[in-house]
Amino acid sequence: MQNNNEQKLKRPLKNKIILSVLFIVFAIDIFCITFNYTRFVTLNNTYTSELAKTVINTCTLTIDGDRVEDYLETRKRDTNYYEIWNKLIDYRNTNKDIMKLSVVSFKENGCYYIFDTDLSDDGAFLGDLRAYDTKQESVKDALMNFTMDKSLEYGTHTDIYVPIKSSYNIPVAYVVAGISLDSIKKEQEQYLVWLVMIVTGVVLIFGILLISYMNRSIIAPINRMTSAAVGYAKNLKEDSQTSPLQQLSIETGDELERLCESLKTMENDILISSVNLVNATWNSNHDSMTQLYNKRYYWELLPQLESEKNIGVIYMDIDNLKLMNDRCGHDQGDEVIMNAADLIHAYEIAGAECCRVGGDEFVMILKDTTPEEVEDLVVRLREDKNNVLSNLPKEFVCRLAVGGAFRQENESIGVTIKNAEQEMYKNKHAKR
């Protein structure tokens, strides 16, 4: 039976270790993917930038800005036009990373093509007007004002816009170069696959070796300590003088052996400290005579009540307690206080916080209540037959004067307590 318990405890621990290793593998893979993507973006931007510089230099040497302006106005081709067009086509065909090369003027009503190296049916001729695509539409003003300072990405390629200027240094059109990203993406995909496979394989091998080592050197001793803990309650019933941890012996010569001995010492310390902590916490928040919450707890409670709704307050005061102390002694006065506490305890409903806030003053805080419930509790406390705390001597009677209030909207808890106290004084004077 004990071996079965050990197996039941051992398997989950192994599973946790395996899951931890898998988590590490996953985290490393995520890191590699993130690092790889960052590297891809950096390489892509660098490559695109360098290629753009080459396009700029080539087009600047090939295309005359003044002639471009004339071609756009006259829509007439000459020998020079065809020479430029052929050079642009040759440049595109000899560079596999350039998908398109065009010279375009952007106007309000669309894009006017001056040169276009696309010789398919989708290509444009001199003066052809094409509508803005979605991405161009988003930067239309920048294109028209020649302030375009970024490229447009279309998934498989990036379009770079370089202005062509006339001899007066006035921009007249854009050279639009479409740079292909296919080769970079393929290279990065291959790099990513190999990187993930290698890193994952190395980490998995390391994880298997780690699990084997932990099973032999760590899990087995831990299982022995776990078995002692599982049978703790049963063994205490059989032998109340002996703890299972005290019977346990771990002789590994390392930190696990030290841990076992420390657990034995800690067991006794925890039991003693737990009892002391419970007693100290109780005593710090309760009045030793009445077992009600004390003034310290009361003042710590008030700020928490400011954010709560439907709060009721019942304020109570022992009438004639000073006379009782003066004439019959403090022992008789203490008995009156205890009788008052017993009466308050009897009406301590669920959610109520009953506090002794002075020698003869008590406050009951009611949470999630209603004005009717507060009033009903006040009446029952006042009319309770046990609200005669002492009838000795015959000249006067000690009883609880009771007043209640329900906190109104936007009213502070301090005001509500003050209102309850005033109701208590009305009750006190009415009984005299």
Protein backbone atom coordinates (compact mmCIF):
# COMPACT_ATOMS: atom_id res chain seq x y z
CA MET A 1 0.00 0.00 0.00
CA GLN A 2 2.85 2.31 0.85
CA ASN A 3 4.56 1.60 -2.49
CA ASN A 4 1.37 2.53 -4.33
CA ASN A 5 1.25 5.84 -2.47
CA GLU A 6 4.84 6.50 -3.43
CA GLN A 7 4.06 5.83 -7.08
CA LYS A 8 1.04 8.15 -6.96
CA LEU A 9 3.20 10.90 -5.55
CA LYS A 10 6.14 10.22 -7.84
CA ARG A 11 4.30 10.37 -11.14
CA PRO A 12 2.89 13.89 -10.73
CA LEU A 13 6.34 15.15 -9.74
CA LYS A 14 7.81 13.60 -12.85
CA ASN A 15 5.07 15.13 -14.93
CA LYS A 16 5.82 18.53 -13.46
CA ILE A 17 9.48 18.15 -14.33
CA ILE A 18 8.61 17.09 -17.88
CA LEU A 19 6.23 20.02 -18.23
CA SER A 20 8.92 22.34 -16.90
CA VAL A 21 11.39 21.07 -19.49
CA LEU A 22 8.80 21.46 -22.24
CA PHE A 23 8.11 24.97 -21.02
CA ILE A 24 11.82 25.77 -21.20
CA VAL A 25 11.98 24.37 -24.73
CA PHE A 26 8.96 26.41 -25.70
CA ALA A 27 10.44 29.55 -24.14
CA ILE A 28 13.74 29.05 -25.96
CA ASP A 29 11.91 28.44 -29.22
CA ILE A 30 9.90 31.61 -28.74
CA PHE A 31 13.10 33.51 -28.00
CA CYS A 32 14.73 32.12 -31.14
CA ILE A 33 11.72 33.00 -33.26
CA THR A 34 11.63 36.52 -31.82
CA PHE A 35 15.36 36.97 -32.29
CA ASN A 36 15.15 35.59 -35.81
CA TYR A 37 12.26 37.86 -36.75
CA THR A 38 14.13 40.89 -35.40
CA ARG A 39 17.18 39.86 -37.39
CA PHE A 40 14.99 39.41 -40.47
CA VAL A 41 13.51 42.90 -40.13
CA THR A 42 16.97 44.40 -39.65
CA LEU A 43 18.43 42.61 -42.66
CA ASN A 44 15.42 43.46 -44.77
CA ASN A 45 15.57 47.15 -43.89
CA THR A 46 19.32 47.26 -44.49
CA TYR A 47 19.08 45.47 -47.81
CA THR A 48 16.14 47.58 -48.97
CA SER A 49 17.96 50.76 -47.98
CA GLU A 50 21.12 49.81 -49.88
CA LEU A 51 19.16 48.75 -52.93
CA ALA A 52 17.19 51.99 -52.80
CA LYS A 53 20.43 53.98 -52.86
CA THR A 54 21.51 52.09 -55.97
CA VAL A 55 18.16 52.79 -57.64
CA ILE A 56 18.43 56.48 -56.76
CA ASN A 57 21.92 56.81 -58.21
CA THR A 58 21.05 54.91 -61.39
CA CYS A 59 17.82 56.81 -62.03
CA THR A 60 19.47 60.16 -61.29
CA LEU A 61 22.07 59.48 -63.97
CA THR A 62 19.53 58.12 -66.44
CA ILE A 63 16.47 60.36 -66.10
CA ASP A 64 16.41 64.11 -66.78
CA GLY A 65 13.88 65.83 -64.54
CA ASP A 66 13.17 68.61 -67.07
CA ARG A 67 12.42 66.07 -69.80
CA VAL A 68 10.16 64.13 -67.42
CA GLU A 69 8.13 67.28 -66.87
CA ASP A 70 7.90 67.83 -70.64
CA TYR A 71 6.82 64.23 -71.28
CA LEU A 72 4.07 64.59 -68.73
CA GLU A 73 2.80 67.84 -70.24
CA THR A 74 3.08 66.95 -73.96
CA ARG A 75 2.45 63.18 -73.72
CA LYS A 76 4.88 62.83 -76.70
CA ARG A 77 7.69 60.29 -76.92
CA ASP A 78 11.00 60.95 -78.60
CA THR A 79 14.19 59.01 -79.10
CA ASN A 80 15.50 60.03 -75.70
CA TYR A 81 12.29 58.75 -74.07
CA TYR A 82 12.76 55.30 -75.57
CA GLU A 83 16.43 55.24 -74.58
CA ILE A 84 15.53 55.96 -70.96
CA TRP A 85 12.69 53.45 -71.05
CA ASN A 86 14.97 50.70 -72.41
CA LYS A 87 17.63 51.43 -69.77
CA LEU A 88 15.04 51.13 -67.00
CA ILE A 89 13.77 47.85 -68.47
CA ASP A 90 17.31 46.48 -68.74
CA TYR A 91 18.06 47.54 -65.18
CA ARG A 92 14.96 45.78 -63.93
CA ASN A 93 15.62 42.60 -65.93
CA THR A 94 19.22 42.30 -64.75
CA ASN A 95 18.34 42.66 -61.07
CA LYS A 96 16.16 39.80 -59.76
CA ASP A 97 15.26 41.72 -56.61
CA ILE A 98 13.57 44.56 -58.51
CA MET A 99 9.99 43.61 -59.34
CA LYS A 100 9.02 46.89 -60.97
CA LEU A 101 10.50 50.26 -61.87
CA SER A 102 8.27 53.18 -62.78
CA VAL A 103 8.26 56.97 -62.97
CA VAL A 104 4.96 58.35 -61.70
CA SER A 105 3.47 61.77 -61.01
CA PHE A 106 0.81 61.84 -58.27
CA LYS A 107 -2.09 64.23 -58.72
CA GLU A 108 -5.39 64.75 -56.96
CA ASN A 109 -7.31 62.54 -59.38
CA GLY A 110 -4.79 59.69 -59.54
CA CYS A 111 -1.34 58.47 -60.56
CA TYR A 112 0.01 59.56 -63.96
CA TYR A 113 2.59 57.16 -65.39
CA ILE A 114 5.55 58.52 -67.36
CA PHE A 115 7.70 55.37 -67.51
CA ASP A 116 6.74 51.82 -66.57
CA THR A 117 8.88 48.71 -67.01
CA ASP A 118 5.91 46.34 -66.72
CA LEU A 119 5.42 45.11 -70.32
CA SER A 120 2.43 42.92 -69.49
CA ASP A 121 -1.20 43.86 -70.02
CA ASP A 122 -1.17 45.39 -66.52
CA GLY A 123 1.59 47.81 -67.47
CA ALA A 124 1.06 51.52 -68.08
CA PHE A 125 2.11 53.82 -70.92
CA LEU A 126 3.00 57.50 -71.00
CA GLY A 127 0.14 59.55 -69.61
CA ASP A 128 -1.92 56.60 -68.36
CA LEU A 129 -3.97 57.47 -65.28
CA ARG A 130 -4.34 54.85 -62.55
CA ALA A 131 -6.32 55.13 -59.32
CA TYR A 132 -4.56 55.19 -55.96
CA ASP A 133 -4.43 51.79 -54.29
CA THR A 134 -5.37 51.42 -50.61
CA LYS A 135 -1.88 51.98 -49.26
CA GLN A 136 -1.18 54.92 -51.58
CA GLU A 137 -4.49 56.48 -50.58
CA SER A 138 -3.34 56.54 -46.94
CA VAL A 139 -0.29 58.68 -47.89
CA LYS A 140 -1.87 60.58 -50.77
CA ASP A 141 -1.07 64.05 -49.41
CA ALA A 142 2.57 63.14 -48.82
CA LEU A 143 2.89 61.80 -52.37
CA MET A 144 1.35 64.91 -53.91
CA ASN A 145 3.49 67.26 -51.80
CA PHE A 146 6.69 65.25 -52.35
CA THR A 147 7.11 64.69 -48.60
CA MET A 148 6.86 60.90 -48.83
CA ASP A 149 9.60 59.55 -46.55
CA LYS A 150 8.64 55.91 -46.09
CA SER A 151 8.21 52.78 -48.15
CA LEU A 152 4.96 50.87 -48.68
CA GLU A 153 4.91 47.14 -47.98
CA TYR A 154 2.72 44.80 -50.04
CA GLY A 155 3.63 41.42 -48.55
CA THR A 156 5.90 40.07 -51.29
CA HIS A 157 7.59 43.36 -52.09
CA THR A 158 8.26 46.86 -50.81
CA ASP A 159 7.73 49.97 -52.94
CA ILE A 160 10.28 52.75 -52.49
CA TYR A 161 9.45 56.29 -53.60
CA VAL A 162 12.31 58.56 -54.70
CA PRO A 163 11.53 62.07 -56.03
CA ILE A 164 13.05 63.28 -59.34
CA LYS A 165 13.91 66.97 -59.45
CA SER A 166 14.16 69.40 -62.32
CA SER A 167 17.14 71.63 -63.02
CA TYR A 168 15.52 74.17 -60.70
CA ASN A 169 15.64 71.61 -57.89
CA ILE A 170 11.85 71.24 -57.95
CA PRO A 171 10.38 67.72 -57.55
CA VAL A 172 8.39 66.75 -60.63
CA ALA A 173 7.73 63.02 -60.21
CA TYR A 174 8.68 59.87 -58.29
CA VAL A 175 10.80 56.90 -59.23
CA VAL A 176 8.89 53.94 -57.79
CA ALA A 177 11.03 50.86 -57.26
CA GLY A 178 9.38 47.60 -56.17
CA ILE A 179 11.91 45.56 -54.17
CA SER A 180 11.19 41.81 -53.88
CA LEU A 181 11.40 40.23 -50.42
CA ASP A 182 11.08 36.60 -51.54
CA SER A 183 14.76 35.68 -51.39
CA ILE A 184 15.23 37.14 -47.92
CA LYS A 185 12.09 35.45 -46.62
CA LYS A 186 13.11 32.05 -47.99
CA GLU A 187 16.55 32.34 -46.44
CA GLN A 188 15.07 33.34 -43.10
CA GLU A 189 12.52 30.52 -43.17
CA GLN A 190 15.25 27.95 -43.73
CA TYR A 191 17.37 29.50 -41.00
CA LEU A 192 14.41 29.50 -38.62
CA VAL A 193 13.55 25.82 -39.24
CA TRP A 194 17.12 24.64 -38.66
CA LEU A 195 17.54 26.82 -35.61
CA VAL A 196 14.36 25.57 -33.95
CA MET A 197 15.16 21.93 -34.74
CA ILE A 198 18.70 22.12 -33.38
CA VAL A 199 17.87 24.09 -30.24
CA THR A 200 14.81 21.96 -29.47
CA GLY A 201 16.77 18.74 -29.94
CA VAL A 202 19.62 19.85 -27.69
CA VAL A 203 17.27 21.04 -24.96
CA LEU A 204 15.19 17.84 -25.11
CA ILE A 205 18.30 15.67 -24.73
CA PHE A 206 19.41 17.80 -21.82
CA GLY A 207 15.92 17.53 -20.31
CA ILE A 208 15.89 13.72 -20.55
CA LEU A 209 19.28 13.50 -18.83
CA LEU A 210 18.12 15.97 -16.19
CA ILE A 211 14.93 13.98 -15.51
CA SER A 212 16.94 10.77 -15.13
CA TYR A 213 19.33 12.39 -12.69
CA MET A 214 16.56 14.01 -10.66
CA ASN A 215 14.63 10.74 -10.48
CA ARG A 216 17.62 8.93 -9.01
CA SER A 217 19.13 11.59 -6.77
CA ILE A 218 16.25 13.86 -5.79
CA ILE A 219 12.80 12.37 -6.40
CA ALA A 220 13.45 9.12 -4.49
CA PRO A 221 14.51 10.87 -1.24
CA ILE A 222 11.68 13.37 -1.61
CA ASN A 223 9.21 10.48 -1.98
CA ARG A 224 10.36 9.10 1.33
CA MET A 225 9.74 12.44 3.03
CA THR A 226 6.41 12.72 1.21
CA SER A 227 5.33 9.28 2.43
CA ALA A 228 6.04 10.36 5.98
CA ALA A 229 3.94 13.49 5.47
CA VAL A 230 1.06 11.52 3.89
CA GLY A 231 0.89 9.15 6.86
CA TYR A 232 1.28 11.94 9.40
CA ALA A 233 -2.30 12.03 10.71
CA LYS A 234 -2.65 8.23 10.76
CA ASN A 235 0.60 7.72 12.63
CA LEU A 236 -0.31 10.37 15.18
CA LYS A 237 -3.46 8.43 16.03
CA GLU A 238 -1.50 5.19 16.41
CA ASP A 239 1.32 6.75 18.40
CA SER A 240 0.67 10.26 19.68
CA GLN A 241 4.20 10.50 21.08
CA THR A 242 6.04 9.88 17.81
CA SER A 243 6.01 11.95 14.63
CA PRO A 244 6.55 10.24 11.25
CA LEU A 245 9.10 12.92 10.40
CA GLN A 246 11.07 12.07 13.52
CA GLN A 247 11.19 8.43 12.39
CA LEU A 248 12.36 9.37 8.90
CA SER A 249 16.04 8.89 8.02
CA ILE A 250 17.60 10.34 4.85
CA GLU A 251 21.31 9.54 4.45
CA THR A 252 22.31 11.06 1.14
CA GLY A 253 25.13 13.18 2.53
CA ASP A 254 23.87 16.30 0.78
CA GLU A 255 21.30 19.07 1.13
CA LEU A 256 18.42 16.57 1.15
CA GLU A 257 19.74 15.00 4.34
CA ARG A 258 20.08 18.44 5.86
CA LEU A 259 16.55 19.26 4.67
CA CYS A 260 15.16 16.18 6.43
CA GLU A 261 16.79 17.16 9.71
CA SER A 262 15.61 20.74 9.29
CA LEU A 263 12.05 19.52 8.73
CA LYS A 264 12.16 17.66 12.01
CA THR A 265 13.20 20.80 13.84
CA MET A 266 10.81 22.97 11.91
CA GLU A 267 7.90 20.66 12.72
CA ASN A 268 8.10 21.47 16.40
CA ASP A 269 8.72 25.17 15.78
CA ILE A 270 5.72 25.44 13.45
CA LEU A 271 3.36 23.80 15.92
CA ILE A 272 4.46 26.11 18.70
CA SER A 273 4.50 29.22 16.50
CA SER A 274 1.08 28.46 15.03
CA VAL A 275 -0.52 28.33 18.46
CA ASN A 276 1.28 31.48 19.55
CA LEU A 277 0.32 33.32 16.36
CA VAL A 278 -3.35 32.44 16.68
CA ASN A 279 -3.39 33.55 20.30
CA ALA A 280 -1.47 36.75 19.57
CA THR A 281 -3.75 37.66 16.65
CA TRP A 282 -6.85 37.04 18.75
CA ASN A 283 -5.55 39.00 21.72
CA SER A 284 -4.47 41.96 19.58
CA ASN A 285 -7.98 42.37 18.17
CA HIS A 286 -10.21 41.36 21.09
CA ASP A 287 -11.06 42.69 24.51
CA SER A 288 -9.85 40.18 27.09
CA MET A 289 -12.86 40.67 29.40
CA THR A 290 -15.77 40.59 26.96
CA GLN A 291 -14.22 38.69 24.00
CA LEU A 292 -15.64 41.42 21.75
CA TYR A 293 -13.45 43.27 19.26
CA ASN A 294 -11.39 45.98 20.96
CA LYS A 295 -10.91 49.68 20.20
CA ARG A 296 -7.78 49.01 18.10
CA TYR A 297 -9.71 46.73 15.75
CA TYR A 298 -12.58 49.22 15.71
CA TRP A 299 -10.43 52.12 14.49
CA GLU A 300 -8.80 49.91 11.84
CA LEU A 301 -12.25 48.80 10.65
CA LEU A 302 -13.74 52.28 10.13
CA PRO A 303 -11.71 53.30 7.00
CA GLN A 304 -12.68 50.01 5.32
CA LEU A 305 -16.38 50.81 5.80
CA GLU A 306 -16.21 54.07 3.83
CA SER A 307 -16.34 52.22 0.50
CA GLU A 308 -19.12 49.83 1.53
CA LYS A 309 -22.86 50.35 1.18
CA ASN A 310 -25.89 49.39 3.32
CA ILE A 311 -24.09 49.89 6.63
CA GLY A 312 -25.95 50.09 9.93
CA VAL A 313 -24.55 51.17 13.32
CA ILE A 314 -25.89 50.36 16.79
CA TYR A 315 -24.34 52.37 19.62
CA MET A 316 -24.71 51.05 23.20
CA ASP A 317 -23.78 52.42 26.61
CA ILE A 318 -24.16 50.84 30.08
CA ASP A 319 -26.34 53.16 32.10
CA ASN A 320 -25.31 53.76 35.74
CA LEU A 321 -22.05 51.77 35.49
CA LYS A 322 -20.09 54.53 37.25
CA LEU A 323 -22.55 54.47 40.17
CA MET A 324 -22.21 50.70 40.35
CA ASN A 325 -18.41 50.94 40.52
CA ASP A 326 -18.53 53.69 43.13
CA ARG A 327 -21.09 52.04 45.43
CA CYS A 328 -20.57 48.32 44.94
CA GLY A 329 -16.98 48.10 43.76
CA HIS A 330 -15.32 47.28 40.46
CA ASP A 331 -15.89 43.54 40.79
CA GLN A 332 -19.62 44.14 40.64
CA GLY A 333 -19.05 46.61 37.80
CA ASP A 334 -17.07 44.00 35.85
CA GLU A 335 -19.96 41.58 36.26
CA VAL A 336 -22.28 44.19 34.73
CA ILE A 337 -19.91 44.59 31.77
CA MET A 338 -19.83 40.81 31.26
CA ASN A 339 -23.63 40.65 31.35
CA ALA A 340 -23.76 43.42 28.74
CA ALA A 341 -21.29 41.50 26.54
CA ASP A 342 -23.40 38.33 26.83
CA LEU A 343 -26.48 40.28 25.73
CA ILE A 344 -24.61 41.77 22.75
CA HIS A 345 -23.25 38.35 21.76
CA ALA A 346 -26.81 37.01 21.74
CA TYR A 347 -27.74 39.53 19.02
CA GLU A 348 -24.51 39.18 17.03
CA ILE A 349 -26.04 38.32 13.66
CA ALA A 350 -24.08 37.12 10.62
CA GLY A 351 -21.84 39.85 9.23
CA ALA A 352 -21.96 41.93 12.42
CA GLU A 353 -18.81 43.40 14.00
CA CYS A 354 -19.25 43.98 17.76
CA CYS A 355 -16.64 46.17 19.44
CA ARG A 356 -15.99 47.48 22.94
CA VAL A 357 -14.88 51.05 22.28
CA GLY A 358 -14.75 52.32 25.88
CA GLY A 359 -15.21 51.24 29.47
CA ASP A 360 -18.99 51.16 29.15
CA GLU A 361 -19.50 51.82 25.41
CA PHE A 362 -20.08 49.29 22.65
CA VAL A 363 -20.61 49.59 18.89
CA MET A 364 -22.16 46.99 16.59
CA ILE A 365 -21.47 47.41 12.86
CA LEU A 366 -24.03 45.75 10.57
CA LYS A 367 -23.03 45.05 6.96
CA ASP A 368 -25.37 44.53 4.01
CA THR A 369 -28.39 45.49 6.07
CA THR A 370 -31.48 47.71 5.78
CA PRO A 371 -32.93 50.56 7.89
CA GLU A 372 -35.73 48.21 8.97
CA GLU A 373 -33.30 45.57 10.18
CA VAL A 374 -31.34 48.16 12.16
CA GLU A 375 -34.50 49.51 13.79
CA ASP A 376 -35.77 46.01 14.59
CA LEU A 377 -32.48 45.06 16.26
CA VAL A 378 -32.47 48.27 18.32
CA VAL A 379 -36.03 47.62 19.56
CA ARG A 380 -35.28 44.00 20.48
CA LEU A 381 -32.13 44.99 22.38
CA ARG A 382 -33.99 47.66 24.31
CA GLU A 383 -36.92 45.39 25.19
CA ASP A 384 -34.94 42.24 25.94
CA LYS A 385 -35.69 41.04 29.48
CA ASN A 386 -31.97 40.40 29.96
CA ASN A 387 -31.30 44.11 29.46
CA VAL A 388 -31.37 44.45 33.23
CA LEU A 389 -27.70 43.93 33.84
CA SER A 390 -27.92 44.31 37.62
CA ASN A 391 -30.65 45.24 40.08
CA LEU A 392 -28.29 45.76 43.00
CA PRO A 393 -28.50 48.14 44.72
CA LYS A 394 -32.24 48.83 44.56
CA GLU A 395 -31.80 52.59 44.01
CA PHE A 396 -30.80 52.22 40.38
CA VAL A 397 -30.69 49.67 37.58
CA CYS A 398 -27.83 49.07 35.13
CA ARG A 399 -29.05 48.51 31.59
CA LEU A 400 -27.89 49.08 28.02
CA ALA A 401 -28.98 52.34 26.43
CA VAL A 402 -29.29 51.57 22.71
CA GLY A 403 -29.40 53.79 19.61
CA GLY A 404 -29.13 52.95 15.94
CA ALA A 405 -28.61 54.63 12.56
CA PHE A 406 -28.45 53.56 8.91
CA ARG A 407 -25.83 55.26 6.76
CA GLN A 408 -27.38 57.51 4.15
CA GLU A 409 -26.01 58.05 0.63
CA ASN A 410 -22.79 60.14 0.54
CA GLU A 411 -22.66 60.07 4.36
CA SER A 412 -19.36 59.24 6.07
CA ILE A 413 -19.26 56.39 8.56
CA GLY A 414 -18.24 58.87 11.26
CA VAL A 415 -21.48 60.80 10.80
CA THR A 416 -23.51 57.58 10.96
CA ILE A 417 -21.81 56.60 14.23
CA LYS A 418 -22.50 60.06 15.63
CA ASN A 419 -26.18 59.75 14.69
CA ALA A 420 -26.40 56.35 16.40
CA GLU A 421 -24.73 57.78 19.50
CA GLN A 422 -27.26 60.61 19.65
CA GLU A 423 -30.11 58.08 19.42
CA MET A 424 -28.49 56.17 22.27
CA TYR A 425 -28.44 59.30 24.46
CA LYS A 426 -32.13 59.89 23.72
CA ASN A 427 -32.86 56.36 24.92
CA LYS A 428 -30.66 56.84 28.00
CA HIS A 429 -32.47 60.03 29.06
CA ALA A 430 -35.90 58.51 28.34
CA LYS A 431 -35.25 55.68 30.83
CA ARG A 432 -34.32 58.00 33.69
